[in-house]
Amino acid sequence: MTTRSIKSLQIGMHWFPERAGGLDRMYYSLVGALPGAGVAVRGVVAGSPRVAEDTDGAIRGFGPAAQSLPRRLMAARRALRDAIGIERPDVISSHFALYTFPGLDVTRGIPQVSHFQGPWADESHVEGADSLGQRAKRYLEQAVYARSSRLIVLSEAFGKILTSRYGISPERIRVVPGCVNVEQFNLPVSPTEARLKLQLPLGRPIVLAVRRLVRRMGLEDLVDAVKLLKRRQPDVLLLIAGKGRLEAELQARIDEAGLADNVKLLGFVPDQHLASLYRAATISVVPTVALEGFGLITVESLASGTPVLVTPVGGLPEAVAGLSQDLVLPATGATAIAEGLAAALDGSLKLPDADACRAYARENFDNAVIAKRVASVYDEAIAAGVVH
């Protein structure tokens, strides 16, 4: 842990209460916890004036995310210049390369740490972006990462991507997993009470997936898995929480498979109901097929006392293996997911109980635990100085 106070400038994407996303949730959690680890926080994000009101001016929104890209980039650069003009930080902490890039000249001479949440260019390619856009994003990322004396990755799997795709030396990479406010998800209610609150059926096995409805999340495989699983568990109920461009396609897939009573798309679930939803579930599942650095939802589910099955993709196995290797499915795809869920629901797969899930989340991923680890990386970066 750091032995002195560090002044940090945190460059995020959006402010979580305004825009829901995994990166935004982690940024929000981390900036709230860092002061407890000796790191003073100021920051800039794409957001409204309410961001400054919510944080007593510590984090400032430089304008709405709906603005045109050139205007956002100009606004981000202005915000960074203004923030550094008010007080020069000891370290620049970049969580999103796009908004860090336009200020690279403004932040020159200040040690920088990049929080690598995933290969932005590659994620865009998986979702169908054109190759020119992908190349532009890769260039931006490369420029920002080259400036960073330390890079924080969520898993060993993403550390390998930084080295192989971006040419970053392993000596500059540190693995620090994502964080959650464990107490927020540790509700003093039973699964039955959570189901009553949410008006969910009491007698059915409930499988939960909290995901953006986009291609790489493996939700098509999950729907197909329920079709297979239904033969052995006719009353199984899969709840998919989240929104995204695949919504209509997934609903059509559900209807065509005759699964209208077994699979429900819930849309966006607000934060105040999310912990109850995890608690109500028999088991969670993360069916990702590509580019998963950590899977924050794995820890959220465990913090709620609900075990979670994950595909062997990216950093997902690292997130749960310390609790039980049995939580890692042998493969991606509908068959592997269906067999894993069947074993979990019929009791042939021994799952960790609620207390074990909560204790594992608290000891390894709570905000305060992760903030101390991040602070020590900032200390390293400051000692290492500026990358030229």
Protein backbone atom coordinates (compact mmCIF):
# COMPACT_ATOMS: atom_id res chain seq x y z
CA MET A 1 0.00 0.00 0.00
CA THR A 2 1.10 3.57 -0.65
CA THR A 3 2.78 5.30 2.29
CA ARG A 4 1.90 8.83 1.20
CA SER A 5 -0.95 10.70 -0.38
CA ILE A 6 -1.06 10.48 -4.18
CA LYS A 7 -2.89 13.06 -6.28
CA SER A 8 -4.50 11.30 -9.25
CA LEU A 9 -6.41 12.48 -12.30
CA GLN A 10 -8.78 9.70 -13.42
CA ILE A 11 -9.88 9.73 -17.08
CA GLY A 12 -13.06 7.67 -17.46
CA MET A 13 -15.62 6.97 -20.16
CA HIS A 14 -19.04 7.75 -18.61
CA TRP A 15 -20.34 8.39 -15.11
CA PHE A 16 -22.00 5.16 -13.99
CA PRO A 17 -25.23 6.64 -12.61
CA GLU A 18 -25.77 8.24 -16.04
CA ARG A 19 -24.62 5.40 -18.31
CA ALA A 20 -24.53 1.73 -17.29
CA GLY A 21 -21.59 -0.38 -18.43
CA GLY A 22 -18.94 -2.63 -16.96
CA LEU A 23 -16.10 -0.15 -17.47
CA ASP A 24 -18.19 2.68 -16.03
CA ARG A 25 -19.22 0.61 -13.02
CA MET A 26 -15.59 -0.26 -12.25
CA TYR A 27 -14.45 3.35 -12.66
CA TYR A 28 -17.24 4.48 -10.33
CA SER A 29 -16.36 1.86 -7.71
CA LEU A 30 -12.64 2.54 -7.88
CA VAL A 31 -12.76 6.34 -7.63
CA GLY A 32 -15.03 5.95 -4.62
CA ALA A 33 -12.58 3.60 -2.88
CA LEU A 34 -9.19 5.13 -3.76
CA PRO A 35 -9.27 7.94 -1.15
CA GLY A 36 -9.39 5.22 1.52
CA ALA A 37 -6.14 3.85 0.09
CA GLY A 38 -4.35 7.20 0.20
CA VAL A 39 -5.13 8.36 -3.34
CA ALA A 40 -6.81 11.73 -3.83
CA VAL A 41 -9.13 11.63 -6.82
CA ARG A 42 -10.10 14.12 -9.47
CA GLY A 43 -11.45 13.01 -12.81
CA VAL A 44 -13.07 13.74 -16.15
CA VAL A 45 -15.73 11.73 -17.99
CA ALA A 46 -18.26 12.24 -20.75
CA GLY A 47 -21.26 13.38 -18.75
CA SER A 48 -23.56 16.14 -17.63
CA PRO A 49 -23.01 18.93 -15.06
CA ARG A 50 -24.67 16.63 -12.52
CA VAL A 51 -21.45 14.59 -12.33
CA ALA A 52 -19.72 17.51 -10.59
CA GLU A 53 -22.74 18.00 -8.33
CA ASP A 54 -22.70 14.32 -7.32
CA THR A 55 -18.99 14.38 -6.47
CA ASP A 56 -18.52 17.87 -4.98
CA GLY A 57 -16.53 18.82 -8.06
CA ALA A 58 -14.05 15.93 -7.83
CA ILE A 59 -15.24 14.36 -11.12
CA ARG A 60 -16.41 16.60 -13.94
CA GLY A 61 -18.46 15.80 -17.01
CA PHE A 62 -17.03 17.47 -20.11
CA GLY A 63 -20.22 17.09 -22.15
CA PRO A 64 -22.80 14.51 -23.17
CA ALA A 65 -21.72 11.21 -24.73
CA ALA A 66 -24.27 11.88 -27.48
CA GLN A 67 -22.19 14.79 -28.83
CA SER A 68 -20.33 14.28 -32.10
CA LEU A 69 -16.93 12.60 -31.70
CA PRO A 70 -14.87 15.68 -32.69
CA ARG A 71 -16.71 17.82 -30.13
CA ARG A 72 -16.23 15.20 -27.42
CA LEU A 73 -12.51 14.93 -28.13
CA MET A 74 -12.07 18.71 -28.03
CA ALA A 75 -14.07 18.89 -24.81
CA ALA A 76 -12.01 16.09 -23.24
CA ARG A 77 -8.78 17.89 -24.09
CA ARG A 78 -10.07 21.16 -22.61
CA ALA A 79 -11.20 19.37 -19.44
CA LEU A 80 -7.80 17.74 -18.99
CA ARG A 81 -5.98 21.02 -19.57
CA ASP A 82 -8.22 22.82 -17.07
CA ALA A 83 -7.86 20.08 -14.44
CA ILE A 84 -4.06 20.08 -14.67
CA GLY A 85 -4.04 23.88 -14.62
CA ILE A 86 -5.91 23.89 -11.30
CA GLU A 87 -3.67 21.29 -9.67
CA ARG A 88 -0.96 19.17 -11.24
CA PRO A 89 -1.52 15.49 -10.37
CA ASP A 90 1.19 13.01 -9.40
CA VAL A 91 -0.24 10.42 -11.80
CA ILE A 92 -2.60 10.31 -14.78
CA SER A 93 -4.89 7.29 -14.60
CA SER A 94 -6.40 6.41 -17.98
CA HIS A 95 -9.45 4.13 -18.04
CA PHE A 96 -10.46 4.90 -21.63
CA ALA A 97 -7.94 5.55 -24.38
CA LEU A 98 -10.29 7.62 -26.58
CA TYR A 99 -10.60 10.44 -24.03
CA THR A 100 -6.96 10.22 -22.93
CA PHE A 101 -5.53 10.52 -26.45
CA PRO A 102 -6.50 14.17 -27.24
CA GLY A 103 -4.77 15.33 -24.06
CA LEU A 104 -1.46 13.48 -24.48
CA ASP A 105 0.33 16.78 -25.12
CA VAL A 106 -1.35 18.38 -22.10
CA THR A 107 -0.40 15.49 -19.78
CA ARG A 108 3.18 15.18 -21.04
CA GLY A 109 5.68 15.01 -18.20
CA ILE A 110 3.24 13.37 -15.73
CA PRO A 111 3.59 9.63 -15.00
CA GLN A 112 0.71 7.67 -16.49
CA VAL A 113 -1.04 4.39 -15.67
CA SER A 114 -3.48 2.80 -18.12
CA HIS A 115 -6.27 0.59 -16.85
CA PHE A 116 -6.64 -1.86 -19.74
CA GLN A 117 -10.28 -2.98 -19.65
CA GLY A 118 -10.10 -4.76 -22.99
CA PRO A 119 -8.90 -4.41 -26.60
CA TRP A 120 -11.29 -1.70 -27.76
CA ALA A 121 -10.43 -2.11 -31.45
CA ASP A 122 -10.88 -5.88 -31.34
CA GLU A 123 -14.19 -5.61 -29.48
CA SER A 124 -15.44 -3.25 -32.19
CA HIS A 125 -14.35 -5.71 -34.87
CA VAL A 126 -16.25 -8.57 -33.18
CA GLU A 127 -19.36 -6.37 -33.18
CA GLY A 128 -18.97 -5.67 -36.91
CA ALA A 129 -17.10 -2.34 -37.09
CA ASP A 130 -15.31 -1.55 -40.37
CA SER A 131 -11.58 -2.11 -40.67
CA LEU A 132 -10.77 1.62 -40.99
CA GLY A 133 -12.50 2.36 -37.69
CA GLN A 134 -10.72 -0.57 -36.11
CA ARG A 135 -7.32 0.70 -37.29
CA ALA A 136 -8.04 4.18 -35.94
CA LYS A 137 -8.99 2.78 -32.55
CA ARG A 138 -5.88 0.60 -32.47
CA TYR A 139 -3.72 3.66 -33.23
CA LEU A 140 -5.30 5.64 -30.38
CA GLU A 141 -4.86 2.76 -27.96
CA GLN A 142 -1.26 2.19 -29.00
CA ALA A 143 -0.37 5.86 -28.48
CA VAL A 144 -1.91 5.94 -24.99
CA TYR A 145 -0.41 2.64 -23.84
CA ALA A 146 3.04 3.61 -25.13
CA ARG A 147 2.95 6.65 -22.82
CA SER A 148 2.13 4.53 -19.73
CA SER A 149 4.90 3.39 -17.41
CA ARG A 150 2.50 0.86 -15.86
CA LEU A 151 -0.60 -0.84 -17.26
CA ILE A 152 -3.18 -2.52 -15.05
CA VAL A 153 -5.00 -5.52 -16.54
CA LEU A 154 -7.94 -7.39 -15.08
CA SER A 155 -6.47 -10.84 -15.72
CA GLU A 156 -3.39 -12.71 -16.94
CA ALA A 157 -5.35 -13.39 -20.14
CA PHE A 158 -5.59 -9.67 -20.90
CA GLY A 159 -1.94 -9.17 -19.97
CA LYS A 160 -1.07 -11.56 -22.80
CA ILE A 161 -3.23 -9.51 -25.20
CA LEU A 162 -1.37 -6.33 -24.23
CA THR A 163 1.94 -8.03 -24.94
CA SER A 164 0.98 -9.85 -28.15
CA ARG A 165 -1.29 -7.23 -29.80
CA TYR A 166 0.20 -3.99 -28.52
CA GLY A 167 3.84 -4.91 -27.94
CA ILE A 168 3.80 -3.86 -24.27
CA SER A 169 6.62 -5.34 -22.20
CA PRO A 170 5.37 -7.72 -19.47
CA GLU A 171 7.56 -5.81 -16.99
CA ARG A 172 5.17 -2.85 -17.26
CA ILE A 173 1.99 -4.92 -16.76
CA ARG A 174 0.32 -5.55 -13.39
CA VAL A 175 -2.71 -7.80 -12.84
CA VAL A 176 -5.37 -6.24 -10.59
CA PRO A 177 -8.91 -7.65 -10.93
CA GLY A 178 -12.05 -5.58 -10.99
CA CYS A 179 -13.77 -4.44 -7.81
CA VAL A 180 -17.28 -4.30 -6.46
CA ASN A 181 -18.91 -2.90 -3.37
CA VAL A 182 -19.49 -6.30 -1.80
CA GLU A 183 -21.83 -4.97 0.89
CA GLN A 184 -24.13 -3.49 -1.77
CA PHE A 185 -24.81 -7.03 -3.03
CA ASN A 186 -24.89 -8.73 0.37
CA LEU A 187 -28.62 -8.45 1.04
CA PRO A 188 -30.05 -9.74 4.34
CA VAL A 189 -32.79 -11.67 2.53
CA SER A 190 -33.29 -15.28 1.49
CA PRO A 191 -33.70 -16.30 -2.16
CA THR A 192 -37.41 -16.85 -1.46
CA GLU A 193 -37.79 -13.33 -0.05
CA ALA A 194 -35.94 -11.91 -3.07
CA ARG A 195 -38.28 -13.77 -5.43
CA LEU A 196 -41.34 -12.50 -3.58
CA LYS A 197 -40.03 -8.94 -3.80
CA LEU A 198 -39.44 -9.25 -7.55
CA GLN A 199 -42.62 -11.26 -8.18
CA LEU A 200 -40.69 -14.24 -9.54
CA PRO A 201 -41.94 -17.85 -9.34
CA LEU A 202 -40.95 -19.62 -6.12
CA GLY A 203 -40.82 -23.22 -7.30
CA ARG A 204 -38.79 -22.97 -10.51
CA PRO A 205 -34.99 -23.15 -10.96
CA ILE A 206 -33.90 -19.69 -12.11
CA VAL A 207 -30.78 -19.13 -14.21
CA LEU A 208 -29.60 -15.52 -14.50
CA ALA A 209 -27.41 -13.83 -17.10
CA VAL A 210 -26.63 -10.13 -16.73
CA ARG A 211 -25.11 -9.04 -20.03
CA ARG A 212 -25.14 -6.40 -22.74
CA LEU A 213 -27.08 -7.84 -25.65
CA VAL A 214 -24.19 -7.87 -28.11
CA ARG A 215 -22.55 -10.55 -30.22
CA ARG A 216 -19.53 -11.61 -28.16
CA MET A 217 -21.56 -12.30 -25.00
CA GLY A 218 -22.66 -15.75 -26.18
CA LEU A 219 -26.34 -15.16 -25.51
CA GLU A 220 -27.39 -17.01 -28.65
CA ASP A 221 -25.59 -20.08 -27.26
CA LEU A 222 -27.34 -19.59 -23.92
CA VAL A 223 -30.81 -19.54 -25.49
CA ASP A 224 -29.94 -22.68 -27.47
CA ALA A 225 -28.65 -24.27 -24.25
CA VAL A 226 -32.02 -23.74 -22.57
CA LYS A 227 -33.68 -25.56 -25.46
CA LEU A 228 -31.47 -28.57 -24.65
CA LEU A 229 -31.79 -28.14 -20.89
CA LYS A 230 -35.59 -28.02 -21.03
CA ARG A 231 -35.68 -31.74 -21.82
CA ARG A 232 -34.22 -32.47 -18.37
CA GLN A 233 -35.51 -29.42 -16.48
CA PRO A 234 -38.87 -28.57 -18.09
CA ASP A 235 -39.61 -25.73 -15.67
CA VAL A 236 -36.21 -24.00 -15.92
CA LEU A 237 -36.45 -20.21 -16.23
CA LEU A 238 -33.64 -18.18 -17.78
CA LEU A 239 -33.68 -14.44 -17.07
CA ILE A 240 -31.47 -12.23 -19.25
CA ALA A 241 -30.95 -8.75 -17.83
CA GLY A 242 -29.50 -6.09 -20.08
CA LYS A 243 -30.12 -4.19 -23.29
CA GLY A 244 -28.38 -3.97 -26.64
CA ARG A 245 -28.67 -4.28 -30.37
CA LEU A 246 -29.40 -8.04 -30.32
CA GLU A 247 -32.66 -7.71 -28.43
CA ALA A 248 -35.01 -8.29 -31.37
CA GLU A 249 -32.85 -11.09 -32.76
CA LEU A 250 -32.72 -12.86 -29.39
CA GLN A 251 -36.47 -12.53 -28.89
CA ALA A 252 -37.07 -14.07 -32.33
CA ARG A 253 -34.71 -16.93 -31.44
CA ILE A 254 -36.62 -17.51 -28.18
CA ASP A 255 -39.99 -17.51 -29.95
CA GLU A 256 -38.85 -19.80 -32.79
CA ALA A 257 -37.51 -22.32 -30.26
CA GLY A 258 -40.81 -22.34 -28.36
CA LEU A 259 -39.11 -20.99 -25.23
CA ALA A 260 -41.41 -18.07 -24.43
CA ASP A 261 -42.19 -19.59 -21.02
CA ASN A 262 -38.56 -20.53 -20.29
CA VAL A 263 -36.55 -17.47 -21.35
CA LYS A 264 -37.39 -13.87 -20.48
CA LEU A 265 -35.57 -10.73 -21.63
CA LEU A 266 -35.82 -8.30 -18.74
CA GLY A 267 -34.19 -5.29 -20.41
CA PHE A 268 -32.14 -2.92 -18.26
CA VAL A 269 -32.39 -3.70 -14.54
CA PRO A 270 -31.70 -0.68 -12.32
CA ASP A 271 -29.02 -0.99 -9.70
CA GLN A 272 -31.41 -0.98 -6.78
CA HIS A 273 -33.00 -4.23 -8.04
CA LEU A 274 -29.86 -5.96 -9.33
CA ALA A 275 -28.69 -7.39 -6.00
CA SER A 276 -32.17 -8.83 -5.37
CA LEU A 277 -32.16 -10.39 -8.84
CA TYR A 278 -28.83 -12.12 -8.20
CA ARG A 279 -30.10 -13.30 -4.81
CA ALA A 280 -33.29 -14.66 -6.36
CA ALA A 281 -31.40 -16.79 -8.90
CA THR A 282 -30.50 -20.43 -8.34
CA ILE A 283 -27.34 -19.89 -10.38
CA SER A 284 -25.82 -17.25 -12.67
CA VAL A 285 -24.08 -17.97 -15.96
CA VAL A 286 -21.60 -16.02 -18.08
CA PRO A 287 -21.64 -17.57 -21.60
CA THR A 288 -19.09 -15.25 -23.27
CA VAL A 289 -17.48 -16.43 -26.51
CA ALA A 290 -14.75 -13.76 -26.93
CA LEU A 291 -12.75 -10.97 -25.26
CA GLU A 292 -13.77 -11.18 -21.62
CA GLY A 293 -11.12 -9.63 -19.41
CA PHE A 294 -12.71 -10.32 -16.07
CA GLY A 295 -16.50 -10.39 -16.01
CA LEU A 296 -17.59 -8.09 -13.20
CA ILE A 297 -20.92 -9.87 -13.06
CA THR A 298 -19.15 -13.01 -11.78
CA VAL A 299 -18.12 -11.15 -8.63
CA GLU A 300 -21.46 -9.37 -8.27
CA SER A 301 -23.21 -12.73 -8.30
CA LEU A 302 -20.80 -14.26 -5.79
CA ALA A 303 -21.12 -11.20 -3.53
CA SER A 304 -24.87 -11.87 -3.55
CA GLY A 305 -24.25 -15.45 -2.43
CA THR A 306 -25.18 -16.96 -5.80
CA PRO A 307 -22.68 -19.28 -7.55
CA VAL A 308 -21.83 -18.60 -11.19
CA LEU A 309 -20.82 -20.82 -14.11
CA VAL A 310 -18.46 -19.30 -16.69
CA THR A 311 -17.12 -20.27 -20.08
CA PRO A 312 -13.34 -20.81 -20.37
CA VAL A 313 -12.82 -17.46 -22.12
CA GLY A 314 -10.31 -14.72 -21.30
CA GLY A 315 -10.14 -13.85 -17.62
CA LEU A 316 -13.36 -15.59 -16.57
CA PRO A 317 -11.65 -18.76 -15.25
CA GLU A 318 -9.24 -16.61 -13.20
CA ALA A 319 -12.16 -14.82 -11.56
CA VAL A 320 -13.75 -18.00 -10.13
CA ALA A 321 -11.02 -20.67 -10.04
CA GLY A 322 -9.88 -19.66 -6.55
CA LEU A 323 -13.35 -20.56 -5.29
CA SER A 324 -13.99 -23.72 -7.32
CA GLN A 325 -12.60 -25.03 -10.60
CA ASP A 326 -15.98 -26.72 -11.13
CA LEU A 327 -17.47 -23.29 -11.89
CA VAL A 328 -15.52 -23.19 -15.19
CA LEU A 329 -17.34 -24.93 -18.05
CA PRO A 330 -15.19 -27.21 -20.25
CA ALA A 331 -16.02 -25.29 -23.45
CA THR A 332 -18.13 -22.56 -25.00
CA GLY A 333 -21.30 -23.40 -26.91
CA ALA A 334 -24.84 -24.53 -26.19
CA THR A 335 -24.02 -28.17 -25.36
CA ALA A 336 -21.37 -27.38 -22.74
CA ILE A 337 -23.58 -24.71 -21.14
CA ALA A 338 -26.62 -27.00 -21.06
CA GLU A 339 -24.68 -29.88 -19.50
CA GLY A 340 -23.08 -27.59 -16.90
CA LEU A 341 -26.42 -26.05 -15.93
CA ALA A 342 -28.10 -29.46 -15.77
CA ALA A 343 -25.41 -30.75 -13.41
CA ALA A 344 -25.67 -27.64 -11.25
CA LEU A 345 -29.46 -27.80 -11.04
CA ASP A 346 -29.77 -31.56 -10.36
CA GLY A 347 -27.10 -31.48 -7.65
CA SER A 348 -24.53 -33.67 -9.39
CA LEU A 349 -22.18 -30.65 -9.59
CA LYS A 350 -21.27 -29.52 -6.08
CA LEU A 351 -21.60 -25.76 -5.90
CA PRO A 352 -20.12 -23.49 -3.21
CA ASP A 353 -22.74 -22.31 -0.74
CA ALA A 354 -23.83 -18.71 -0.23
CA ASP A 355 -21.42 -18.05 2.64
CA ALA A 356 -18.43 -19.36 0.66
CA CYS A 357 -19.39 -17.24 -2.36
CA ARG A 358 -19.70 -14.08 -0.26
CA ALA A 359 -16.46 -14.65 1.66
CA TYR A 360 -14.51 -15.24 -1.57
CA ALA A 361 -15.86 -12.02 -3.12
CA ARG A 362 -15.16 -9.99 0.02
CA GLU A 363 -11.59 -11.22 0.46
CA ASN A 364 -10.53 -10.91 -3.17
CA PHE A 365 -12.59 -8.26 -4.95
CA ASP A 366 -14.06 -5.76 -2.48
CA ASN A 367 -13.49 -2.10 -3.37
CA ALA A 368 -11.15 -1.46 -0.44
CA VAL A 369 -8.99 -4.51 -1.22
CA ILE A 370 -8.57 -3.60 -4.89
CA ALA A 371 -8.03 0.12 -4.21
CA LYS A 372 -4.93 -0.70 -2.12
CA ARG A 373 -3.51 -2.80 -4.94
CA VAL A 374 -4.16 -0.05 -7.48
CA ALA A 375 -2.54 2.54 -5.19
CA SER A 376 0.63 0.45 -5.06
CA VAL A 377 0.78 0.39 -8.87
CA TYR A 378 0.39 4.18 -8.93
CA ASP A 379 3.31 4.39 -6.50
CA GLU A 380 5.38 2.23 -8.86
CA ALA A 381 4.51 4.42 -11.85
CA ILE A 382 5.48 7.59 -10.01
CA ALA A 383 8.80 6.06 -8.97
CA ALA A 384 9.43 4.86 -12.54
CA GLY A 385 8.77 8.33 -13.95
CA VAL A 386 7.64 9.31 -17.42
CA VAL A 387 7.88 7.10 -20.51
CA HIS A 388 9.39 9.00 -23.42
